[in-house]
Amino acid sequence: MVKLFLPGGTRFYCSGTMLTHRSVLTAAHCFTGGTSTARQAVGDVVRVGGMGLFDGILSYVEKVDLHPTFDISTYIGDVAVVTLTANIDPRDAARRGVYPAQLGTPSQIRYGSYIRLSGWGVSNKAGRGGGGVARAPPVHAQGAGWPQPGHHARRKKEGRAAKAAKDDDTDDADDADGADDATAWQAAAATRRTVRGRSGGGNRTGVSPRATAAQRAAAGTSTGLSQPMRLLTTQVHVRVMHECATFAERFIGVTNFFTSRYNEALQVCLSLYDGVSACDGDSGAPFFTKFAPPGVPPTYYVHAIMSFSYSSATESCPTYFPDWATRVSAYTDWIVPRLIY
C-alpha cells in the first residue's frame, strides 16, 4: 500500500498500490482539480508500506500518467500510474514486509464473492483524527478527490460484513441475510433521498461526483469525519452492476446513471448492503485478494481501484451505499507498458 501527500508531506489525499519498486497504481481523479485535466503533481510526497499514515519508505512523484479516456463526469478511465523519483530498495522493502502487488485477472473475482479493501480514508466514527481531512460535498464520488465515502466509513463498521465473510463459505450474493439487509438499506436510502429534495415535477434531484481529494487537502478544511492513523481493511461483496445502477437511480437520485455512468466492462460495483464503505482518502486504494501459501511471502492481486461513490443528505459516507471502482483487468494493456522495473 502507498500513501500520497501534497508537498510538505502532511496533507494526505489518496492511496495506491505498489506494482514495482518504482511504479504505483492509483486513481486518475487524484490528480485533477474536478476536471479531466491533470494538475501538477511532481514533487508530491509518497510513503510506501507501513501501517501508520506517516510510516513507510519515503519517496516523491516524478511523473503521473493518466489514462487518456479519463472523464471526470463519468469516472470512466479512472486509473493512473505514478512513477517515483527513484527505485525503492527491494531489500529494504522486503525487510519491512513490503512487496509489489500483481495485476488481477477477470477469472479471479466473480459476482457474489468477497474481496478486500484497504486504505487510510476517514471514518464516520468519532475518534482521534489526523490532520486536515476536508469535508465532502453533499454528494461525493470516491474518485472525486478523497477516496470516496466508502472506504473507511464502512470499514469502521465492518463487524457484520466481516462476520458474514467468515461465515459465508458459499459466496452467495443473495443469501437470506443480504435480502433482509437490502430491504432495510433501501428504506433508509429512500428516506434520505426525500430529505435531499426533489426538483420540479417530482423528479429526483440529479447527483454528481464531488471535488477532488487533492483540492480538499490543499484547502485544509475540517470535517466531522476523523482520519485514522492506521491502515484499515474490510471485506466487501462484488455486486452486479445492474443492481448498483438501479440503486443509484431509485435511492440515491442519480437520474442518468444507466445512460452515462453504467459500464460493467470498465467498472466494478462493490459493498452494496454490506454495512461498510469507502470514504475520504480512500480514492485510489485497491480492492484485492491475497494468496498466502505457507513458508513464502503472500502475493496480493489488485482487481479494482477505488473510484467514486455518493453521500446522502445526512452522512458523508453512508455505509449502505455502493462503491464504484475501476476494473483493473480492463486496463492491463495500458498499465503494463508504463511500469518501470
Protein backbone atom coordinates (compact mmCIF):
# COMPACT_ATOMS: atom_id res chain seq x y z
CA MET A 1 0.00 0.00 0.00
CA VAL A 2 1.08 3.53 -0.82
CA LYS A 3 0.09 6.92 0.60
CA LEU A 4 0.15 10.15 -1.43
CA PHE A 5 0.60 13.58 0.18
CA LEU A 6 0.74 17.13 -1.09
CA PRO A 7 4.22 18.76 -0.97
CA GLY A 8 5.35 19.01 2.62
CA GLY A 9 4.14 15.51 3.44
CA THR A 10 1.40 16.38 5.96
CA ARG A 11 -1.75 16.54 3.82
CA PHE A 12 -2.73 13.06 2.73
CA TYR A 13 -5.04 12.84 -0.27
CA CYS A 14 -5.04 9.39 -1.89
CA SER A 15 -4.00 5.77 -1.54
CA GLY A 16 -2.37 3.49 -4.10
CA THR A 17 -0.68 0.17 -4.74
CA MET A 18 3.00 -0.52 -5.46
CA LEU A 19 3.27 -2.63 -8.64
CA THR A 20 7.06 -2.35 -8.98
CA HIS A 21 9.69 -0.74 -6.79
CA ARG A 22 9.22 2.45 -8.78
CA SER A 23 5.63 2.35 -10.08
CA VAL A 24 2.37 2.94 -8.22
CA LEU A 25 -1.20 2.24 -9.38
CA THR A 26 -3.91 4.66 -8.25
CA ALA A 27 -6.92 6.65 -9.49
CA ALA A 28 -6.68 9.36 -12.14
CA HIS A 29 -9.07 11.66 -10.29
CA CYS A 30 -6.49 12.00 -7.51
CA PHE A 31 -4.56 14.34 -9.79
CA THR A 32 -7.28 16.52 -11.25
CA GLY A 33 -9.00 19.58 -9.85
CA GLY A 34 -12.53 18.47 -10.55
CA THR A 35 -11.79 18.34 -14.29
CA SER A 36 -10.37 15.71 -16.64
CA THR A 37 -7.02 17.54 -16.83
CA ALA A 38 -4.10 16.59 -14.61
CA ARG A 39 -2.74 19.05 -12.06
CA GLN A 40 0.98 19.43 -11.38
CA ALA A 41 1.87 16.58 -9.02
CA VAL A 42 5.65 16.37 -9.48
CA GLY A 43 7.25 16.54 -6.05
CA ASP A 44 4.26 15.23 -4.14
CA VAL A 45 5.34 13.09 -1.20
CA VAL A 46 4.91 9.31 -1.33
CA ARG A 47 5.20 6.83 1.53
CA VAL A 48 5.37 3.15 0.64
CA GLY A 49 4.31 0.49 3.16
CA GLY A 50 3.80 0.84 6.88
CA MET A 51 0.60 0.52 8.86
CA GLY A 52 0.64 4.09 10.13
CA LEU A 53 -0.43 7.03 7.98
CA PHE A 54 3.02 8.61 8.19
CA ASP A 55 5.01 5.36 8.24
CA GLY A 56 6.76 3.82 5.27
CA ILE A 57 9.63 4.35 2.87
CA LEU A 58 9.86 7.97 1.72
CA SER A 59 9.85 8.86 -1.98
CA TYR A 60 8.49 11.52 -4.34
CA VAL A 61 6.42 11.74 -7.51
CA GLU A 62 8.46 12.11 -10.68
CA LYS A 63 5.69 11.63 -13.23
CA VAL A 64 1.97 10.82 -13.42
CA ASP A 65 0.35 9.08 -16.40
CA LEU A 66 -3.44 9.44 -16.56
CA HIS A 67 -5.42 7.15 -18.80
CA PRO A 68 -6.31 9.11 -21.96
CA THR A 69 -10.00 8.24 -21.69
CA PHE A 70 -10.42 9.55 -18.14
CA ASP A 71 -13.62 11.57 -17.89
CA ILE A 72 -14.45 13.30 -14.61
CA SER A 73 -18.16 13.33 -15.45
CA THR A 74 -18.40 9.52 -15.65
CA TYR A 75 -15.18 8.33 -13.93
CA ILE A 76 -14.54 6.07 -16.91
CA GLY A 77 -10.78 5.56 -17.29
CA ASP A 78 -10.16 6.47 -13.64
CA VAL A 79 -6.69 4.90 -13.50
CA ALA A 80 -3.21 6.38 -13.22
CA VAL A 81 0.36 5.12 -12.99
CA VAL A 82 2.71 7.14 -10.79
CA THR A 83 6.46 6.94 -11.37
CA LEU A 84 8.63 7.58 -8.31
CA THR A 85 11.84 9.62 -8.43
CA ALA A 86 13.93 6.54 -7.60
CA ASN A 87 13.54 2.82 -7.07
CA ILE A 88 12.54 1.67 -3.59
CA ASP A 89 15.37 -0.57 -2.36
CA PRO A 90 13.97 -4.12 -2.74
CA ARG A 91 15.96 -5.38 0.26
CA ASP A 92 14.76 -2.55 2.48
CA ALA A 93 11.19 -3.14 1.28
CA ALA A 94 11.42 -6.89 1.96
CA ARG A 95 12.72 -6.27 5.48
CA ARG A 96 9.62 -4.18 6.10
CA GLY A 97 7.34 -6.82 4.57
CA VAL A 98 6.59 -4.66 1.53
CA TYR A 99 6.31 -6.46 -1.82
CA PRO A 100 4.94 -5.37 -5.20
CA ALA A 101 1.37 -6.46 -5.92
CA GLN A 102 0.24 -8.22 -9.08
CA LEU A 103 -2.46 -7.16 -11.53
CA GLY A 104 -5.60 -9.26 -11.17
CA THR A 105 -7.30 -11.15 -13.97
CA PRO A 106 -11.04 -11.39 -14.75
CA SER A 107 -11.20 -15.02 -13.62
CA GLN A 108 -10.02 -14.18 -10.10
CA ILE A 109 -13.19 -12.41 -8.99
CA ARG A 110 -16.84 -13.28 -9.52
CA TYR A 111 -20.16 -11.74 -8.58
CA GLY A 112 -21.17 -12.50 -5.02
CA SER A 113 -17.62 -13.21 -3.87
CA TYR A 114 -15.79 -11.25 -1.21
CA ILE A 115 -12.67 -9.22 -1.91
CA ARG A 116 -10.74 -6.95 0.43
CA LEU A 117 -10.39 -3.20 0.58
CA SER A 118 -7.64 -1.33 2.45
CA GLY A 119 -6.82 2.33 2.93
CA TRP A 120 -6.32 5.30 5.22
CA GLY A 121 -9.53 7.15 4.37
CA VAL A 122 -11.53 8.97 7.00
CA SER A 123 -14.11 7.34 9.23
CA ASN A 124 -17.66 8.29 10.17
CA LYS A 125 -16.92 7.26 13.71
CA ALA A 126 -15.66 9.81 16.16
CA GLY A 127 -12.11 9.28 17.26
CA ARG A 128 -8.62 10.68 17.22
CA GLY A 129 -8.08 12.23 13.88
CA GLY A 130 -5.04 13.03 11.85
CA GLY A 131 -4.82 16.41 10.24
CA GLY A 132 -6.79 18.26 7.63
CA VAL A 133 -9.36 15.99 6.06
CA ALA A 134 -11.73 18.16 4.11
CA ARG A 135 -15.50 17.91 4.29
CA ALA A 136 -17.03 16.04 1.43
CA PRO A 137 -19.59 17.91 -0.63
CA PRO A 138 -23.23 16.94 -0.32
CA VAL A 139 -22.64 14.26 -2.90
CA HIS A 140 -19.30 12.67 -3.45
CA ALA A 141 -17.63 10.44 -5.90
CA GLN A 142 -14.97 8.33 -4.45
CA GLY A 143 -12.74 9.24 -7.18
CA ALA A 144 -13.52 12.86 -6.94
CA GLY A 145 -10.86 13.67 -4.54
CA TRP A 146 -10.73 11.98 -1.31
CA PRO A 147 -11.27 8.31 -1.67
CA GLN A 148 -14.94 8.10 -1.72
CA PRO A 149 -17.33 7.94 1.06
CA GLY A 150 -17.00 4.30 1.46
CA HIS A 151 -13.67 3.00 2.30
CA HIS A 152 -13.27 3.85 5.85
CA ALA A 153 -16.64 4.77 6.99
CA ARG A 154 -17.70 1.27 6.16
CA ARG A 155 -14.52 -0.32 7.36
CA LYS A 156 -15.04 1.16 10.79
CA LYS A 157 -18.41 -0.51 10.86
CA GLU A 158 -17.30 -3.74 9.35
CA GLY A 159 -18.41 -6.07 12.10
CA ARG A 160 -21.41 -7.50 10.27
CA ALA A 161 -19.66 -7.72 6.92
CA ALA A 162 -16.55 -9.31 8.37
CA LYS A 163 -18.62 -11.88 10.22
CA ALA A 164 -20.55 -12.64 7.06
CA ALA A 165 -17.31 -13.10 5.19
CA LYS A 166 -16.11 -15.65 7.71
CA ASP A 167 -19.41 -17.49 7.90
CA ASP A 168 -20.30 -17.46 4.21
CA ASP A 169 -18.19 -20.12 2.50
CA THR A 170 -20.58 -20.37 -0.40
CA ASP A 171 -20.03 -16.74 -1.51
CA ASP A 172 -23.68 -16.32 -2.47
CA ALA A 173 -24.53 -12.74 -3.34
CA ASP A 174 -28.20 -13.14 -2.47
CA ASP A 175 -28.27 -15.00 0.81
CA ALA A 176 -31.14 -14.53 3.22
CA ASP A 177 -29.15 -12.07 5.33
CA GLY A 178 -28.39 -9.92 2.31
CA ALA A 179 -32.02 -9.83 1.26
CA ASP A 180 -33.09 -8.62 4.69
CA ASP A 181 -30.33 -6.01 4.72
CA ALA A 182 -31.28 -4.82 1.26
CA THR A 183 -34.81 -4.04 2.38
CA ALA A 184 -33.58 -2.05 5.37
CA TRP A 185 -30.96 -0.13 3.42
CA GLN A 186 -33.38 0.68 0.61
CA ALA A 187 -35.86 2.11 3.06
CA ALA A 188 -33.15 4.24 4.67
CA ALA A 189 -31.84 5.41 1.31
CA ALA A 190 -35.31 6.35 0.13
CA THR A 191 -35.81 8.46 3.25
CA ARG A 192 -32.53 10.29 2.72
CA ARG A 193 -33.33 10.89 -0.92
CA THR A 194 -36.56 12.58 0.09
CA VAL A 195 -34.74 14.74 2.61
CA ARG A 196 -32.33 15.85 -0.12
CA GLY A 197 -35.30 17.19 -2.02
CA ARG A 198 -36.74 16.80 -5.46
CA SER A 199 -36.67 19.02 -8.49
CA GLY A 200 -39.79 20.44 -10.10
CA GLY A 201 -42.31 17.95 -11.37
CA GLY A 202 -41.40 15.38 -8.76
CA ASN A 203 -38.25 14.11 -10.49
CA ARG A 204 -35.32 13.06 -8.34
CA THR A 205 -32.62 15.64 -7.94
CA GLY A 206 -29.59 14.78 -10.08
CA VAL A 207 -26.46 13.72 -8.24
CA SER A 208 -22.89 14.16 -9.37
CA PRO A 209 -19.38 13.41 -8.10
CA ARG A 210 -17.57 15.61 -5.64
CA ALA A 211 -14.41 17.71 -5.75
CA THR A 212 -11.01 16.10 -5.87
CA ALA A 213 -9.16 14.90 -2.82
CA ALA A 214 -6.08 16.93 -3.56
CA GLN A 215 -8.23 20.07 -3.73
CA ARG A 216 -9.77 19.41 -0.36
CA ALA A 217 -6.43 18.51 1.15
CA ALA A 218 -4.98 21.78 -0.15
CA ALA A 219 -7.91 23.73 1.28
CA GLY A 220 -7.32 22.17 4.67
CA THR A 221 -10.97 22.48 5.63
CA SER A 222 -12.22 20.49 8.60
CA THR A 223 -14.93 17.90 8.85
CA GLY A 224 -16.81 15.80 11.36
CA LEU A 225 -15.10 12.74 9.90
CA SER A 226 -11.94 11.50 11.59
CA GLN A 227 -8.69 10.45 9.93
CA PRO A 228 -7.49 7.04 11.07
CA MET A 229 -3.78 6.88 11.76
CA ARG A 230 -3.57 3.16 10.98
CA LEU A 231 -4.37 1.15 7.87
CA LEU A 232 -7.96 -0.13 7.84
CA THR A 233 -9.15 -3.21 5.96
CA THR A 234 -12.51 -4.83 5.37
CA GLN A 235 -14.18 -7.32 3.04
CA VAL A 236 -16.90 -6.36 0.57
CA HIS A 237 -19.11 -8.16 -1.91
CA VAL A 238 -18.62 -7.89 -5.66
CA ARG A 239 -22.03 -6.83 -6.95
CA VAL A 240 -23.77 -6.97 -10.31
CA MET A 241 -23.50 -3.53 -11.90
CA HIS A 242 -27.16 -3.52 -12.92
CA GLU A 243 -28.16 -3.92 -9.26
CA CYS A 244 -25.96 -0.97 -8.22
CA ALA A 245 -27.13 1.19 -11.12
CA THR A 246 -30.73 0.55 -10.16
CA PHE A 247 -29.95 1.50 -6.56
CA ALA A 248 -28.24 4.70 -7.74
CA GLU A 249 -31.27 5.81 -9.73
CA ARG A 250 -34.01 4.72 -7.31
CA PHE A 251 -32.48 5.52 -3.94
CA ILE A 252 -29.61 7.96 -4.45
CA GLY A 253 -31.30 10.07 -7.09
CA VAL A 254 -28.84 9.77 -9.99
CA THR A 255 -31.25 10.18 -12.89
CA ASN A 256 -28.76 9.39 -15.66
CA PHE A 257 -26.78 6.50 -14.22
CA PHE A 258 -27.78 3.87 -16.80
CA THR A 259 -27.09 6.17 -19.73
CA SER A 260 -23.93 7.97 -18.65
CA ARG A 261 -22.20 6.07 -15.82
CA TYR A 262 -23.01 2.43 -16.44
CA ASN A 263 -20.12 0.39 -17.85
CA GLU A 264 -19.67 -3.06 -16.40
CA ALA A 265 -16.75 -3.85 -18.71
CA LEU A 266 -14.70 -0.99 -17.25
CA GLN A 267 -16.03 -0.65 -13.70
CA VAL A 268 -16.88 -2.82 -10.70
CA CYS A 269 -19.58 -2.21 -8.10
CA LEU A 270 -18.91 -3.29 -4.52
CA SER A 271 -20.14 -3.15 -0.92
CA LEU A 272 -23.85 -2.56 -1.61
CA TYR A 273 -25.75 -3.55 1.58
CA ASP A 274 -22.50 -4.70 3.24
CA GLY A 275 -22.63 -2.13 6.04
CA VAL A 276 -19.09 -0.93 5.22
CA SER A 277 -17.90 1.79 2.87
CA ALA A 278 -15.01 3.72 1.41
CA CYS A 279 -14.57 7.34 2.48
CA ASP A 280 -12.46 10.49 2.00
CA GLY A 281 -8.84 9.47 1.46
CA ASP A 282 -9.64 6.02 0.08
CA SER A 283 -9.59 7.14 -3.55
CA GLY A 284 -7.05 5.09 -5.45
CA ALA A 285 -6.99 2.32 -2.84
CA PRO A 286 -7.05 -1.30 -4.03
CA PHE A 287 -9.75 -3.93 -3.91
CA PHE A 288 -7.67 -7.07 -3.78
CA THR A 289 -7.32 -10.76 -2.99
CA LYS A 290 -4.46 -12.41 -1.14
CA PHE A 291 -2.67 -15.67 -1.90
CA ALA A 292 -0.59 -16.84 1.06
CA PRO A 293 0.96 -20.29 0.72
CA PRO A 294 2.93 -21.44 3.79
CA GLY A 295 6.58 -20.52 4.01
CA VAL A 296 6.66 -17.72 1.43
CA PRO A 297 5.62 -14.05 1.39
CA PRO A 298 1.97 -13.53 0.40
CA THR A 299 1.02 -12.33 -3.08
CA TYR A 300 -1.63 -9.63 -3.44
CA TYR A 301 -3.70 -9.31 -6.62
CA VAL A 302 -5.26 -5.92 -7.37
CA HIS A 303 -8.65 -6.23 -9.10
CA ALA A 304 -10.11 -2.75 -8.81
CA ILE A 305 -9.20 0.82 -7.86
CA MET A 306 -11.49 2.85 -5.61
CA SER A 307 -13.11 5.45 -7.85
CA PHE A 308 -16.36 7.04 -6.64
CA SER A 309 -19.50 6.82 -4.56
CA TYR A 310 -22.16 9.15 -3.19
CA SER A 311 -23.06 10.83 0.06
CA SER A 312 -26.56 11.02 1.49
CA ALA A 313 -28.37 14.04 2.90
CA THR A 314 -27.28 13.10 6.41
CA GLU A 315 -24.00 11.18 6.01
CA SER A 316 -20.78 11.83 4.13
CA CYS A 317 -20.02 8.13 3.89
CA PRO A 318 -23.27 6.14 4.15
CA THR A 319 -22.50 2.51 4.81
CA TYR A 320 -25.50 1.25 2.85
CA PHE A 321 -24.47 2.88 -0.46
CA PRO A 322 -22.35 1.02 -3.02
CA ASP A 323 -18.83 1.96 -4.07
CA TRP A 324 -17.72 2.03 -7.69
CA ALA A 325 -14.20 1.08 -8.73
CA THR A 326 -12.14 0.92 -11.90
CA ARG A 327 -11.81 -2.64 -13.22
CA VAL A 328 -8.04 -3.23 -13.40
CA SER A 329 -8.15 -6.11 -15.90
CA ALA A 330 -9.80 -3.77 -18.44
CA TYR A 331 -6.71 -1.53 -18.42
CA THR A 332 -3.87 -4.06 -18.11
CA ASP A 333 -2.64 -3.43 -21.67
CA TRP A 334 -2.31 0.28 -20.86
CA ILE A 335 -0.80 -0.16 -17.37
CA VAL A 336 1.96 -2.68 -18.10
CA PRO A 337 3.98 -0.61 -20.63
CA ARG A 338 4.15 2.25 -18.13
CA LEU A 339 5.65 0.23 -15.30
CA ILE A 340 9.33 0.79 -14.54
CA TYR A 341 11.32 -2.06 -13.04
